[in-house]
Amino acid sequence: MLDLAKIKLIAQSYSPQELFAALVWQRRFNEFDGEEVITDLAKNSSLWASFMFTKPIFAPDENGLSFSGVIDTLLAMANYRPMPEN
């Protein structure tokens, strides 16, 4: 069951980028280690203004790119459950 008070507190306490970083932090698959990725991003913050884990999709917009895949990426990360080692 969802704890709405907890969700409200989290939403008010953290930026969308921090929430996304928390999802990335939890992920580990193949050679991808989310904790290492976020740690490296934090150590090298002078090299980036922000980050987004998605692939741009061509769309006929002003810049020729659309980030409509962000929702799909977030959903996949939120629903990911690691497979048992054996």
Protein backbone atom coordinates (compact mmCIF):
# COMPACT_ATOMS: atom_id res chain seq x y z
CA MET A 1 0.00 0.00 0.00
CA LEU A 2 1.22 3.48 -0.80
CA ASP A 3 2.08 5.76 2.09
CA LEU A 4 0.95 9.13 0.69
CA ALA A 5 2.52 11.11 3.52
CA LYS A 6 5.88 9.48 2.83
CA ILE A 7 5.54 10.07 -0.92
CA LYS A 8 4.67 13.73 -0.33
CA LEU A 9 7.68 14.16 1.96
CA ILE A 10 10.00 12.52 -0.58
CA ALA A 11 8.58 14.62 -3.43
CA GLN A 12 9.05 17.83 -1.44
CA SER A 13 12.53 16.87 -0.23
CA TYR A 14 14.22 15.74 -3.45
CA SER A 15 14.61 17.08 -6.97
CA PRO A 16 13.58 14.93 -9.95
CA GLN A 17 17.30 14.48 -10.74
CA GLU A 18 17.96 13.19 -7.20
CA LEU A 19 15.04 10.77 -7.48
CA PHE A 20 16.29 9.55 -10.86
CA ALA A 21 19.82 9.21 -9.44
CA ALA A 22 18.41 7.07 -6.61
CA LEU A 23 16.84 4.72 -9.19
CA VAL A 24 20.12 4.52 -11.11
CA TRP A 25 22.02 3.88 -7.83
CA GLN A 26 19.90 0.76 -7.20
CA ARG A 27 20.58 -0.83 -10.59
CA ARG A 28 23.27 -3.40 -11.31
CA PHE A 29 23.31 -5.61 -14.38
CA ASN A 30 25.97 -6.96 -16.76
CA GLU A 31 28.83 -4.48 -16.32
CA PHE A 32 26.56 -1.62 -15.23
CA ASP A 33 26.99 -0.58 -11.59
CA GLY A 34 24.58 2.23 -10.73
CA GLU A 35 26.31 3.15 -7.49
CA GLU A 36 29.62 3.56 -9.34
CA VAL A 37 27.98 5.63 -12.10
CA ILE A 38 26.34 8.06 -9.66
CA THR A 39 29.49 8.27 -7.53
CA ASP A 40 31.57 9.10 -10.62
CA LEU A 41 29.01 11.69 -11.75
CA ALA A 42 29.13 13.34 -8.31
CA LYS A 43 32.95 13.39 -8.30
CA ASN A 44 33.05 15.01 -11.75
CA SER A 45 30.19 17.47 -11.53
CA SER A 46 32.25 20.15 -13.29
CA LEU A 47 32.00 18.07 -16.48
CA TRP A 48 28.20 18.14 -16.71
CA ALA A 49 25.25 20.43 -16.08
CA SER A 50 22.74 17.59 -15.59
CA PHE A 51 22.29 14.00 -16.64
CA MET A 52 19.52 11.89 -18.10
CA PHE A 53 19.66 8.17 -18.79
CA THR A 54 17.69 7.77 -21.97
CA LYS A 55 18.25 7.75 -25.67
CA PRO A 56 16.99 10.66 -27.73
CA ILE A 57 14.38 9.63 -30.31
CA PHE A 58 14.07 11.49 -33.61
CA ALA A 59 10.88 13.50 -33.74
CA PRO A 60 9.81 16.42 -35.89
CA ASP A 61 10.32 19.04 -33.20
CA GLU A 62 12.34 22.25 -33.20
CA ASN A 63 15.59 20.46 -32.21
CA GLY A 64 14.93 17.22 -34.07
CA LEU A 65 15.02 15.25 -30.83
CA SER A 66 12.42 14.10 -28.37
CA PHE A 67 12.97 12.62 -24.94
CA SER A 68 9.73 10.69 -24.89
CA GLY A 69 11.72 7.60 -23.89
CA VAL A 70 12.33 9.07 -20.43
CA ILE A 71 9.07 7.70 -19.04
CA ASP A 72 9.77 4.24 -20.47
CA THR A 73 13.28 4.32 -18.99
CA LEU A 74 12.01 5.41 -15.56
CA LEU A 75 9.32 2.72 -15.56
CA ALA A 76 11.78 0.03 -16.57
CA MET A 77 14.21 1.08 -13.84
CA ALA A 78 11.51 1.33 -11.18
CA ASN A 79 10.15 -2.12 -12.05
CA TYR A 80 13.50 -3.87 -12.46
CA ARG A 81 14.11 -6.74 -10.06
CA PRO A 82 17.51 -8.43 -10.13
CA MET A 83 17.58 -12.11 -11.02
CA PRO A 84 18.89 -14.51 -8.37
CA GLU A 85 22.53 -15.47 -8.88
CA ASN A 86 21.67 -19.18 -9.21
